[in-house]
Amino acid sequence: MKRFKILLISLVITIIAVSVSAGGQKEPADVTQLNISYVKSPFNLQVMVLKERQMLEKAFAPEGITIKWHEINSGAKQAEAMAAGSLDIASVMNTASVIIANSAGNEIDIIDIVSRPEQTFAVMVMDDGPRSVKDLSHCVVAGPKGTVLHQMLAAIEEKENLEDVQLVSMSLPQSQAALISKNVDAALLAGSLIIKTQNAGGRVLTTSEGYVTPLLVSASPRRFAQNHPEIIDHFTSVQQQAYTFIQNNLSQAIAIGARAQNLDSDEAKDLYNRSGIASSFTADDLSGLARDIAFLRNLNMIENDLEASEMLGDNLNVH
């Protein structure tokens, strides 16, 4: 009898252990809600079109899957949410954040490309601020750490041999507010905030051009992407439909972006023209990803060695 009780207890413990280990991994039939980040900045028109036209909601409804959008602009914050299991797809992340996350053991796969926006990331100052990039030595700069903007600032420091540049980690809106109130010397800003800061008396000191080549991608936790390849394929297919809609209905699409970011049509058109919108991941993108890994490692922003190809999702084709 005692032996029977011991065996029974062991069986119960085993069942509980299996249930717990399976609990963190959704099986395909269990997915009833897809958690996706909504990232408008710098000017991610595919994502704004997807949300405004409810393209994902309509596409996944026949499968009994609802869409829940989460407004998370920071790549680092999206990585944290994916690690916690509260985000299934990051609609837009910069590759610097993807690299840093993977180096820290947070396995995230790139599943699609969004854009190559060299002209929509900038270091901004007020009119009476630093006159040239060289003047950033000994300055306080506001901006989000662990992002392509952080990488851009680090590249500027290295290339221009700057000294004692202090980065204070803030969200993009907080960085803009700190700059306008002159609590910092400069701010790392993107997209519509560049235009709004210019309207408030600010100016662009430099863009990322010549320092880094930003690459914005869609991403997913590796465990989710591998367990649910059909969902990933469906998402990227619908995102491609959004890209096609933009190409065929540009004025209508830009109007969607203008409303989403509270811009006039000319401002939205300007941001679109500088957004570097893309629909296919290329061999050059893969090479750029490898260069970014080496660059971040040289700056001690990552510690572990990574292979660029290992961060590509199984669904992603390199053209």
C-alpha atoms as a PDB file:
ATOM      1  CA  MET A   1       0.000   0.000   0.000  1.00  0.00           C
ATOM      2  CA  LYS A   2       2.826   2.363   0.936  1.00  0.00           C
ATOM      3  CA  ARG A   3       4.562   1.555  -2.364  1.00  0.00           C
ATOM      4  CA  PHE A   4       1.320   2.243  -4.244  1.00  0.00           C
ATOM      5  CA  LYS A   5       0.993   5.670  -2.573  1.00  0.00           C
ATOM      6  CA  ILE A   6       4.574   6.564  -3.464  1.00  0.00           C
ATOM      7  CA  LEU A   7       3.998   5.581  -7.095  1.00  0.00           C
ATOM      8  CA  LEU A   8       0.748   7.556  -7.186  1.00  0.00           C
ATOM      9  CA  ILE A   9       2.428  10.669  -5.762  1.00  0.00           C
ATOM     10  CA  SER A  10       5.261  10.332  -8.286  1.00  0.00           C
ATOM     11  CA  LEU A  11       2.734  10.066 -11.118  1.00  0.00           C
ATOM     12  CA  VAL A  12       0.890  13.188  -9.951  1.00  0.00           C
ATOM     13  CA  ILE A  13       4.161  15.141  -9.702  1.00  0.00           C
ATOM     14  CA  THR A  14       5.125  14.024 -13.220  1.00  0.00           C
ATOM     15  CA  ILE A  15       1.755  15.114 -14.626  1.00  0.00           C
ATOM     16  CA  ILE A  16       2.042  18.513 -12.933  1.00  0.00           C
ATOM     17  CA  ALA A  17       5.596  18.974 -14.221  1.00  0.00           C
ATOM     18  CA  VAL A  18       4.550  18.152 -17.790  1.00  0.00           C
ATOM     19  CA  SER A  19       1.566  20.500 -17.524  1.00  0.00           C
ATOM     20  CA  VAL A  20       3.729  23.350 -16.235  1.00  0.00           C
ATOM     21  CA  SER A  21       6.375  22.873 -18.920  1.00  0.00           C
ATOM     22  CA  ALA A  22       3.699  22.806 -21.610  1.00  0.00           C
ATOM     23  CA  GLY A  23       1.949  25.835 -20.149  1.00  0.00           C
ATOM     24  CA  GLY A  24       4.522  28.281 -21.463  1.00  0.00           C
ATOM     25  CA  GLN A  25       4.235  26.916 -24.990  1.00  0.00           C
ATOM     26  CA  LYS A  26       0.921  27.472 -26.754  1.00  0.00           C
ATOM     27  CA  GLU A  27      -0.134  24.682 -29.065  1.00  0.00           C
ATOM     28  CA  PRO A  28      -1.588  25.802 -32.427  1.00  0.00           C
ATOM     29  CA  ALA A  29      -5.161  24.950 -31.402  1.00  0.00           C
ATOM     30  CA  ASP A  30      -4.793  26.998 -28.211  1.00  0.00           C
ATOM     31  CA  VAL A  31      -4.054  30.342 -29.879  1.00  0.00           C
ATOM     32  CA  THR A  32      -7.201  32.446 -29.673  1.00  0.00           C
ATOM     33  CA  GLN A  33      -5.546  35.861 -29.322  1.00  0.00           C
ATOM     34  CA  LEU A  34      -2.526  37.241 -31.132  1.00  0.00           C
ATOM     35  CA  ASN A  35      -0.623  39.937 -29.233  1.00  0.00           C
ATOM     36  CA  ILE A  36       1.050  42.363 -31.632  1.00  0.00           C
ATOM     37  CA  SER A  37       2.882  45.625 -30.968  1.00  0.00           C
ATOM     38  CA  TYR A  38       1.638  48.775 -32.682  1.00  0.00           C
ATOM     39  CA  VAL A  39       4.679  50.831 -33.648  1.00  0.00           C
ATOM     40  CA  LYS A  40       3.960  53.968 -35.669  1.00  0.00           C
ATOM     41  CA  SER A  41       7.342  55.684 -35.366  1.00  0.00           C
ATOM     42  CA  PRO A  42       9.313  56.665 -37.347  1.00  0.00           C
ATOM     43  CA  PHE A  43       6.714  56.231 -40.132  1.00  0.00           C
ATOM     44  CA  ASN A  44       5.811  52.559 -40.408  1.00  0.00           C
ATOM     45  CA  LEU A  45       3.057  52.875 -42.963  1.00  0.00           C
ATOM     46  CA  GLN A  46       2.478  49.130 -43.400  1.00  0.00           C
ATOM     47  CA  VAL A  47       1.625  48.811 -39.717  1.00  0.00           C
ATOM     48  CA  MET A  48      -0.616  51.869 -39.663  1.00  0.00           C
ATOM     49  CA  VAL A  49      -2.478  50.546 -42.716  1.00  0.00           C
ATOM     50  CA  LEU A  50      -2.785  47.084 -41.140  1.00  0.00           C
ATOM     51  CA  LYS A  51      -4.393  48.524 -38.024  1.00  0.00           C
ATOM     52  CA  GLU A  52      -6.546  51.224 -39.622  1.00  0.00           C
ATOM     53  CA  ARG A  53      -8.022  48.836 -42.195  1.00  0.00           C
ATOM     54  CA  GLN A  54      -8.276  45.970 -39.658  1.00  0.00           C
ATOM     55  CA  MET A  55      -6.541  43.696 -42.139  1.00  0.00           C
ATOM     56  CA  LEU A  56      -5.209  41.281 -39.519  1.00  0.00           C
ATOM     57  CA  GLU A  57      -8.523  41.150 -37.667  1.00  0.00           C
ATOM     58  CA  LYS A  58     -10.308  40.177 -40.883  1.00  0.00           C
ATOM     59  CA  ALA A  59      -7.613  37.693 -41.922  1.00  0.00           C
ATOM     60  CA  PHE A  60      -7.485  35.794 -38.624  1.00  0.00           C
ATOM     61  CA  ALA A  61     -11.199  35.900 -37.741  1.00  0.00           C
ATOM     62  CA  PRO A  62     -12.025  32.706 -39.710  1.00  0.00           C
ATOM     63  CA  GLU A  63      -9.433  30.899 -37.565  1.00  0.00           C
ATOM     64  CA  GLY A  64     -11.058  32.106 -34.360  1.00  0.00           C
ATOM     65  CA  ILE A  65      -8.081  34.323 -33.516  1.00  0.00           C
ATOM     66  CA  THR A  66      -8.532  37.892 -32.282  1.00  0.00           C
ATOM     67  CA  ILE A  67      -5.882  40.600 -32.529  1.00  0.00           C
ATOM     68  CA  LYS A  68      -4.761  42.614 -29.516  1.00  0.00           C
ATOM     69  CA  TRP A  69      -2.582  45.614 -30.266  1.00  0.00           C
ATOM     70  CA  HIS A  70      -0.039  46.930 -27.760  1.00  0.00           C
ATOM     71  CA  GLU A  71       1.483  50.398 -28.185  1.00  0.00           C
ATOM     72  CA  ILE A  72       5.163  49.750 -27.426  1.00  0.00           C
ATOM     73  CA  ASN A  73       7.588  51.881 -29.403  1.00  0.00           C
ATOM     74  CA  SER A  74      10.872  50.867 -27.792  1.00  0.00           C
ATOM     75  CA  GLY A  75      12.614  47.857 -29.280  1.00  0.00           C
ATOM     76  CA  ALA A  76      14.071  47.031 -25.878  1.00  0.00           C
ATOM     77  CA  LYS A  77      10.602  47.116 -24.267  1.00  0.00           C
ATOM     78  CA  GLN A  78       9.225  44.870 -27.006  1.00  0.00           C
ATOM     79  CA  ALA A  79      12.048  42.413 -26.357  1.00  0.00           C
ATOM     80  CA  GLU A  80      11.158  42.414 -22.654  1.00  0.00           C
ATOM     81  CA  ALA A  81       7.501  41.768 -23.467  1.00  0.00           C
ATOM     82  CA  MET A  82       8.410  38.851 -25.740  1.00  0.00           C
ATOM     83  CA  ALA A  83      10.644  37.372 -23.050  1.00  0.00           C
ATOM     84  CA  ALA A  84       7.733  37.617 -20.611  1.00  0.00           C
ATOM     85  CA  GLY A  85       5.404  35.866 -23.064  1.00  0.00           C
ATOM     86  CA  SER A  86       3.034  38.830 -23.387  1.00  0.00           C
ATOM     87  CA  LEU A  87       3.929  39.710 -26.993  1.00  0.00           C
ATOM     88  CA  ASP A  88       3.728  37.250 -29.894  1.00  0.00           C
ATOM     89  CA  ILE A  89       4.805  39.511 -32.749  1.00  0.00           C
ATOM     90  CA  ALA A  90       6.757  42.763 -32.711  1.00  0.00           C
ATOM     91  CA  SER A  91       5.438  44.577 -35.753  1.00  0.00           C
ATOM     92  CA  VAL A  92       8.519  46.799 -35.921  1.00  0.00           C
ATOM     93  CA  MET A  93      11.879  46.416 -34.168  1.00  0.00           C
ATOM     94  CA  ASN A  94      15.269  47.801 -35.044  1.00  0.00           C
ATOM     95  CA  THR A  95      17.902  45.146 -35.590  1.00  0.00           C
ATOM     96  CA  ALA A  96      20.090  46.583 -32.822  1.00  0.00           C
ATOM     97  CA  SER A  97      17.396  45.617 -30.309  1.00  0.00           C
ATOM     98  CA  VAL A  98      17.046  42.169 -31.881  1.00  0.00           C
ATOM     99  CA  ILE A  99      20.806  41.605 -31.667  1.00  0.00           C
ATOM    100  CA  ILE A 100      21.069  42.813 -28.067  1.00  0.00           C
ATOM    101  CA  ALA A 101      18.136  40.615 -27.022  1.00  0.00           C
ATOM    102  CA  ASN A 102      19.585  37.497 -28.659  1.00  0.00           C
ATOM    103  CA  SER A 103      22.988  38.153 -27.137  1.00  0.00           C
ATOM    104  CA  ALA A 104      21.338  38.228 -23.714  1.00  0.00           C
ATOM    105  CA  GLY A 105      19.687  34.844 -24.349  1.00  0.00           C
ATOM    106  CA  ASN A 106      16.273  36.223 -25.334  1.00  0.00           C
ATOM    107  CA  GLU A 107      15.835  34.287 -28.590  1.00  0.00           C
ATOM    108  CA  ILE A 108      13.984  36.428 -31.123  1.00  0.00           C
ATOM    109  CA  ASP A 109      13.654  35.662 -34.834  1.00  0.00           C
ATOM    110  CA  ILE A 110      13.358  38.168 -37.670  1.00  0.00           C
ATOM    111  CA  ILE A 111      10.261  37.200 -39.659  1.00  0.00           C
ATOM    112  CA  ASP A 112       9.874  40.096 -42.120  1.00  0.00           C
ATOM    113  CA  ILE A 113      11.375  43.392 -43.210  1.00  0.00           C
ATOM    114  CA  VAL A 114       9.663  46.754 -42.758  1.00  0.00           C
ATOM    115  CA  SER A 115      12.066  49.457 -43.943  1.00  0.00           C
ATOM    116  CA  ARG A 116      15.583  50.868 -44.285  1.00  0.00           C
ATOM    117  CA  PRO A 117      15.004  54.395 -42.920  1.00  0.00           C
ATOM    118  CA  GLU A 118      18.339  56.215 -43.005  1.00  0.00           C
ATOM    119  CA  GLN A 119      16.699  59.647 -43.166  1.00  0.00           C
ATOM    120  CA  THR A 120      14.189  59.271 -40.332  1.00  0.00           C
ATOM    121  CA  PHE A 121      16.570  58.943 -37.363  1.00  0.00           C
ATOM    122  CA  ALA A 122      18.384  62.038 -36.162  1.00  0.00           C
ATOM    123  CA  VAL A 123      20.301  63.839 -33.455  1.00  0.00           C
ATOM    124  CA  MET A 124      18.424  67.077 -32.792  1.00  0.00           C
ATOM    125  CA  VAL A 125      19.334  70.237 -30.918  1.00  0.00           C
ATOM    126  CA  MET A 126      17.645  73.550 -30.254  1.00  0.00           C
ATOM    127  CA  ASP A 127      18.626  76.529 -32.363  1.00  0.00           C
ATOM    128  CA  ASP A 128      21.105  77.808 -29.780  1.00  0.00           C
ATOM    129  CA  GLY A 129      22.556  74.338 -29.157  1.00  0.00           C
ATOM    130  CA  PRO A 130      25.664  72.616 -30.556  1.00  0.00           C
ATOM    131  CA  ARG A 131      26.483  73.854 -34.057  1.00  0.00           C
ATOM    132  CA  SER A 132      28.189  70.710 -35.348  1.00  0.00           C
ATOM    133  CA  VAL A 133      28.508  67.033 -34.522  1.00  0.00           C
ATOM    134  CA  LYS A 134      31.976  67.729 -33.112  1.00  0.00           C
ATOM    135  CA  ASP A 135      30.355  69.970 -30.492  1.00  0.00           C
ATOM    136  CA  LEU A 136      28.599  66.985 -28.876  1.00  0.00           C
ATOM    137  CA  SER A 137      31.654  66.258 -26.731  1.00  0.00           C
ATOM    138  CA  HIS A 138      30.806  66.773 -23.023  1.00  0.00           C
ATOM    139  CA  CYS A 139      27.087  67.051 -23.865  1.00  0.00           C
ATOM    140  CA  VAL A 140      24.066  65.372 -22.290  1.00  0.00           C
ATOM    141  CA  VAL A 141      21.904  63.560 -24.844  1.00  0.00           C
ATOM    142  CA  ALA A 142      18.419  62.136 -24.259  1.00  0.00           C
ATOM    143  CA  GLY A 143      17.283  59.005 -26.057  1.00  0.00           C
ATOM    144  CA  PRO A 144      16.246  55.365 -25.729  1.00  0.00           C
ATOM    145  CA  LYS A 145      19.055  52.964 -24.865  1.00  0.00           C
ATOM    146  CA  GLY A 146      19.394  49.618 -26.612  1.00  0.00           C
ATOM    147  CA  THR A 147      17.968  50.906 -29.888  1.00  0.00           C
ATOM    148  CA  VAL A 148      19.208  51.905 -33.321  1.00  0.00           C
ATOM    149  CA  LEU A 149      19.278  55.514 -32.057  1.00  0.00           C
ATOM    150  CA  HIS A 150      21.668  54.432 -29.309  1.00  0.00           C
ATOM    151  CA  GLN A 151      23.740  52.615 -31.918  1.00  0.00           C
ATOM    152  CA  MET A 152      23.729  55.756 -34.080  1.00  0.00           C
ATOM    153  CA  LEU A 153      25.031  57.893 -31.213  1.00  0.00           C
ATOM    154  CA  ALA A 154      27.742  55.342 -30.443  1.00  0.00           C
ATOM    155  CA  ALA A 155      28.781  55.329 -34.109  1.00  0.00           C
ATOM    156  CA  ILE A 156      28.942  59.131 -34.110  1.00  0.00           C
ATOM    157  CA  GLU A 157      31.089  59.123 -30.967  1.00  0.00           C
ATOM    158  CA  GLU A 158      33.486  56.620 -32.514  1.00  0.00           C
ATOM    159  CA  LYS A 159      33.732  58.210 -35.957  1.00  0.00           C
ATOM    160  CA  GLU A 160      34.033  61.793 -34.695  1.00  0.00           C
ATOM    161  CA  ASN A 161      36.296  60.937 -31.712  1.00  0.00           C
ATOM    162  CA  LEU A 162      33.908  62.559 -29.246  1.00  0.00           C
ATOM    163  CA  GLU A 163      34.591  62.605 -25.512  1.00  0.00           C
ATOM    164  CA  ASP A 164      32.347  62.373 -22.452  1.00  0.00           C
ATOM    165  CA  VAL A 165      28.967  62.159 -24.189  1.00  0.00           C
ATOM    166  CA  GLN A 166      26.345  61.232 -21.581  1.00  0.00           C
ATOM    167  CA  LEU A 167      23.242  59.374 -22.798  1.00  0.00           C
ATOM    168  CA  VAL A 168      20.234  59.681 -20.498  1.00  0.00           C
ATOM    169  CA  SER A 169      17.751  56.905 -21.291  1.00  0.00           C
ATOM    170  CA  MET A 170      14.292  58.277 -22.102  1.00  0.00           C
ATOM    171  CA  SER A 171      11.414  57.418 -24.402  1.00  0.00           C
ATOM    172  CA  LEU A 172      11.142  59.403 -27.630  1.00  0.00           C
ATOM    173  CA  PRO A 173       8.401  61.782 -26.355  1.00  0.00           C
ATOM    174  CA  GLN A 174      10.327  62.308 -23.114  1.00  0.00           C
ATOM    175  CA  SER A 175      13.505  63.002 -25.085  1.00  0.00           C
ATOM    176  CA  GLN A 176      11.727  65.599 -27.193  1.00  0.00           C
ATOM    177  CA  ALA A 177      10.255  67.290 -24.117  1.00  0.00           C
ATOM    178  CA  ALA A 178      13.646  67.345 -22.390  1.00  0.00           C
ATOM    179  CA  LEU A 179      15.237  68.948 -25.440  1.00  0.00           C
ATOM    180  CA  ILE A 180      12.561  71.612 -25.918  1.00  0.00           C
ATOM    181  CA  SER A 181      12.718  72.503 -22.216  1.00  0.00           C
ATOM    182  CA  LYS A 182      16.530  72.652 -22.554  1.00  0.00           C
ATOM    183  CA  ASN A 183      17.140  70.080 -19.843  1.00  0.00           C
ATOM    184  CA  VAL A 184      19.511  68.287 -22.234  1.00  0.00           C
ATOM    185  CA  ASP A 185      21.856  69.463 -24.967  1.00  0.00           C
ATOM    186  CA  ALA A 186      20.572  67.112 -27.663  1.00  0.00           C
ATOM    187  CA  ALA A 187      18.009  64.385 -28.260  1.00  0.00           C
ATOM    188  CA  LEU A 188      17.816  61.242 -30.373  1.00  0.00           C
ATOM    189  CA  LEU A 189      14.532  61.471 -32.280  1.00  0.00           C
ATOM    190  CA  ALA A 190      12.724  59.817 -35.160  1.00  0.00           C
ATOM    191  CA  GLY A 191       9.925  60.302 -37.651  1.00  0.00           C
ATOM    192  CA  SER A 192       7.185  62.782 -36.872  1.00  0.00           C
ATOM    193  CA  LEU A 193       8.958  63.960 -33.718  1.00  0.00           C
ATOM    194  CA  ILE A 194      11.686  65.404 -35.944  1.00  0.00           C
ATOM    195  CA  ILE A 195       9.118  67.549 -37.748  1.00  0.00           C
ATOM    196  CA  LYS A 196       7.358  68.546 -34.526  1.00  0.00           C
ATOM    197  CA  THR A 197      10.660  69.474 -32.895  1.00  0.00           C
ATOM    198  CA  GLN A 198      11.620  71.580 -35.900  1.00  0.00           C
ATOM    199  CA  ASN A 199       8.283  73.377 -35.571  1.00  0.00           C
ATOM    200  CA  ALA A 200       9.167  74.045 -31.910  1.00  0.00           C
ATOM    201  CA  GLY A 201      12.502  75.673 -32.774  1.00  0.00           C
ATOM    202  CA  GLY A 202      14.743  72.632 -33.014  1.00  0.00           C
ATOM    203  CA  ARG A 203      17.020  71.571 -35.838  1.00  0.00           C
ATOM    204  CA  VAL A 204      18.631  68.406 -37.136  1.00  0.00           C
ATOM    205  CA  LEU A 205      22.300  68.174 -36.234  1.00  0.00           C
ATOM    206  CA  THR A 206      22.759  64.975 -38.234  1.00  0.00           C
ATOM    207  CA  THR A 207      20.798  61.983 -39.453  1.00  0.00           C
ATOM    208  CA  SER A 208      22.018  58.394 -39.252  1.00  0.00           C
ATOM    209  CA  GLU A 209      23.305  58.555 -42.834  1.00  0.00           C
ATOM    210  CA  GLY A 210      27.030  57.939 -42.901  1.00  0.00           C
ATOM    211  CA  TYR A 211      27.030  56.445 -39.414  1.00  0.00           C
ATOM    212  CA  VAL A 212      24.644  53.474 -39.399  1.00  0.00           C
ATOM    213  CA  THR A 213      22.169  51.951 -41.837  1.00  0.00           C
ATOM    214  CA  PRO A 214      19.011  51.321 -39.818  1.00  0.00           C
ATOM    215  CA  LEU A 215      17.040  48.204 -40.600  1.00  0.00           C
ATOM    216  CA  LEU A 216      13.530  47.848 -39.198  1.00  0.00           C
ATOM    217  CA  VAL A 217      12.023  44.371 -39.104  1.00  0.00           C
ATOM    218  CA  SER A 218       9.109  42.381 -37.758  1.00  0.00           C
ATOM    219  CA  ALA A 219      10.093  39.796 -35.174  1.00  0.00           C
ATOM    220  CA  SER A 220       8.724  37.029 -32.988  1.00  0.00           C
ATOM    221  CA  PRO A 221       9.952  34.959 -30.041  1.00  0.00           C
ATOM    222  CA  ARG A 222      11.669  31.901 -31.521  1.00  0.00           C
ATOM    223  CA  ARG A 223       9.569  29.517 -29.432  1.00  0.00           C
ATOM    224  CA  PHE A 224       6.369  31.086 -30.811  1.00  0.00           C
ATOM    225  CA  ALA A 225       7.585  31.225 -34.418  1.00  0.00           C
ATOM    226  CA  GLN A 226       8.660  27.578 -34.352  1.00  0.00           C
ATOM    227  CA  ASN A 227       5.471  26.385 -32.652  1.00  0.00           C
ATOM    228  CA  HIS A 228       3.175  28.411 -34.921  1.00  0.00           C
ATOM    229  CA  PRO A 229       4.728  28.733 -38.384  1.00  0.00           C
ATOM    230  CA  GLU A 230       1.276  28.967 -39.977  1.00  0.00           C
ATOM    231  CA  ILE A 231       0.470  32.072 -37.910  1.00  0.00           C
ATOM    232  CA  ILE A 232       3.789  33.691 -38.815  1.00  0.00           C
ATOM    233  CA  ASP A 233       3.244  32.929 -42.512  1.00  0.00           C
ATOM    234  CA  HIS A 234      -0.276  34.352 -42.328  1.00  0.00           C
ATOM    235  CA  PHE A 235       0.925  37.534 -40.615  1.00  0.00           C
ATOM    236  CA  THR A 236       3.692  38.190 -43.153  1.00  0.00           C
ATOM    237  CA  SER A 237       1.296  37.474 -46.019  1.00  0.00           C
ATOM    238  CA  VAL A 238      -1.160  40.082 -44.733  1.00  0.00           C
ATOM    239  CA  GLN A 239       1.678  42.558 -44.161  1.00  0.00           C
ATOM    240  CA  GLN A 240       2.672  42.057 -47.797  1.00  0.00           C
ATOM    241  CA  GLN A 241      -0.937  42.853 -48.738  1.00  0.00           C
ATOM    242  CA  ALA A 242      -0.620  46.109 -46.789  1.00  0.00           C
ATOM    243  CA  TYR A 243       2.550  46.942 -48.734  1.00  0.00           C
ATOM    244  CA  THR A 244       0.737  46.258 -52.015  1.00  0.00           C
ATOM    245  CA  PHE A 245      -2.194  48.425 -50.901  1.00  0.00           C
ATOM    246  CA  ILE A 246       0.232  51.287 -50.232  1.00  0.00           C
ATOM    247  CA  GLN A 247       1.800  50.981 -53.691  1.00  0.00           C
ATOM    248  CA  ASN A 248      -1.596  50.914 -55.395  1.00  0.00           C
ATOM    249  CA  ASN A 249      -3.338  53.523 -53.213  1.00  0.00           C
ATOM    250  CA  LEU A 250      -0.542  55.831 -52.096  1.00  0.00           C
ATOM    251  CA  SER A 251      -2.613  58.952 -51.401  1.00  0.00           C
ATOM    252  CA  GLN A 252      -5.132  56.997 -49.344  1.00  0.00           C
ATOM    253  CA  ALA A 253      -2.351  55.218 -47.445  1.00  0.00           C
ATOM    254  CA  ILE A 254      -0.495  58.457 -46.681  1.00  0.00           C
ATOM    255  CA  ALA A 255      -3.756  59.939 -45.392  1.00  0.00           C
ATOM    256  CA  ILE A 256      -3.975  56.990 -42.980  1.00  0.00           C
ATOM    257  CA  GLY A 257      -0.439  57.693 -41.787  1.00  0.00           C
ATOM    258  CA  ALA A 258      -1.154  61.407 -41.427  1.00  0.00           C
ATOM    259  CA  ARG A 259      -4.181  60.734 -39.213  1.00  0.00           C
ATOM    260  CA  ALA A 260      -2.325  58.165 -37.120  1.00  0.00           C
ATOM    261  CA  GLN A 261       0.560  60.546 -36.410  1.00  0.00           C
ATOM    262  CA  ASN A 262      -1.396  63.824 -36.350  1.00  0.00           C
ATOM    263  CA  LEU A 263       0.415  65.290 -39.345  1.00  0.00           C
ATOM    264  CA  ASP A 264      -0.717  67.255 -42.359  1.00  0.00           C
ATOM    265  CA  SER A 265      -0.572  65.541 -45.735  1.00  0.00           C
ATOM    266  CA  ASP A 266       2.675  67.215 -46.831  1.00  0.00           C
ATOM    267  CA  GLU A 267       4.449  66.217 -43.612  1.00  0.00           C
ATOM    268  CA  ALA A 268       3.205  62.639 -43.949  1.00  0.00           C
ATOM    269  CA  LYS A 269       4.281  62.478 -47.586  1.00  0.00           C
ATOM    270  CA  ASP A 270       7.736  63.778 -46.650  1.00  0.00           C
ATOM    271  CA  LEU A 271       8.133  61.116 -43.953  1.00  0.00           C
ATOM    272  CA  TYR A 272       6.931  58.404 -46.324  1.00  0.00           C
ATOM    273  CA  ASN A 273       9.461  59.447 -48.963  1.00  0.00           C
ATOM    274  CA  ARG A 274      12.231  59.204 -46.357  1.00  0.00           C
ATOM    275  CA  SER A 275      10.962  56.024 -44.705  1.00  0.00           C
ATOM    276  CA  GLY A 276      12.771  53.519 -46.927  1.00  0.00           C
ATOM    277  CA  ILE A 277       9.753  51.211 -47.006  1.00  0.00           C
ATOM    278  CA  ALA A 278      10.664  47.676 -48.106  1.00  0.00           C
ATOM    279  CA  SER A 279       9.018  44.341 -48.836  1.00  0.00           C
ATOM    280  CA  SER A 280      11.861  41.829 -49.188  1.00  0.00           C
ATOM    281  CA  PHE A 281      14.859  40.893 -47.047  1.00  0.00           C
ATOM    282  CA  THR A 282      18.017  40.870 -49.161  1.00  0.00           C
ATOM    283  CA  ALA A 283      21.512  39.432 -48.996  1.00  0.00           C
ATOM    284  CA  ASP A 284      22.727  43.000 -48.379  1.00  0.00           C
ATOM    285  CA  ASP A 285      20.424  43.186 -45.348  1.00  0.00           C
ATOM    286  CA  LEU A 286      21.955  39.976 -44.012  1.00  0.00           C
ATOM    287  CA  SER A 287      25.454  41.378 -44.522  1.00  0.00           C
ATOM    288  CA  GLY A 288      24.402  44.574 -42.758  1.00  0.00           C
ATOM    289  CA  LEU A 289      23.078  42.529 -39.856  1.00  0.00           C
ATOM    290  CA  ALA A 290      26.472  40.832 -39.543  1.00  0.00           C
ATOM    291  CA  ARG A 291      28.210  44.228 -39.567  1.00  0.00           C
ATOM    292  CA  ASP A 292      25.854  45.477 -36.854  1.00  0.00           C
ATOM    293  CA  ILE A 293      26.731  42.476 -34.678  1.00  0.00           C
ATOM    294  CA  ALA A 294      30.444  43.201 -35.054  1.00  0.00           C
ATOM    295  CA  PHE A 295      29.907  46.898 -34.390  1.00  0.00           C
ATOM    296  CA  LEU A 296      27.849  46.338 -31.233  1.00  0.00           C
ATOM    297  CA  ARG A 297      30.379  43.801 -29.977  1.00  0.00           C
ATOM    298  CA  ASN A 298      33.248  46.254 -30.513  1.00  0.00           C
ATOM    299  CA  LEU A 299      31.319  48.808 -28.460  1.00  0.00           C
ATOM    300  CA  ASN A 300      30.764  46.233 -25.693  1.00  0.00           C
ATOM    301  CA  MET A 301      26.994  46.593 -26.144  1.00  0.00           C
ATOM    302  CA  ILE A 302      26.848  42.805 -26.534  1.00  0.00           C
ATOM    303  CA  GLU A 303      29.073  40.087 -25.126  1.00  0.00           C
ATOM    304  CA  ASN A 304      28.161  36.788 -26.771  1.00  0.00           C
ATOM    305  CA  ASP A 305      29.062  35.858 -30.327  1.00  0.00           C
ATOM    306  CA  LEU A 306      26.133  35.635 -32.720  1.00  0.00           C
ATOM    307  CA  GLU A 307      25.650  34.515 -36.301  1.00  0.00           C
ATOM    308  CA  ALA A 308      23.397  36.811 -38.316  1.00  0.00           C
ATOM    309  CA  SER A 309      21.773  33.896 -40.140  1.00  0.00           C
ATOM    310  CA  GLU A 310      20.742  32.298 -36.838  1.00  0.00           C
ATOM    311  CA  MET A 311      18.431  35.232 -36.127  1.00  0.00           C
ATOM    312  CA  LEU A 312      16.405  34.711 -39.300  1.00  0.00           C
ATOM    313  CA  GLY A 313      13.087  32.942 -38.895  1.00  0.00           C
ATOM    314  CA  ASP A 314      12.457  29.743 -40.821  1.00  0.00           C
ATOM    315  CA  ASN A 315       9.803  31.566 -42.862  1.00  0.00           C
ATOM    316  CA  LEU A 316      12.089  34.395 -44.020  1.00  0.00           C
ATOM    317  CA  ASN A 317      13.469  34.168 -47.546  1.00  0.00           C
ATOM    318  CA  VAL A 318      16.655  36.066 -48.388  1.00  0.00           C
ATOM    319  CA  HIS A 319      16.452  37.570 -51.873  1.00  0.00           C
END
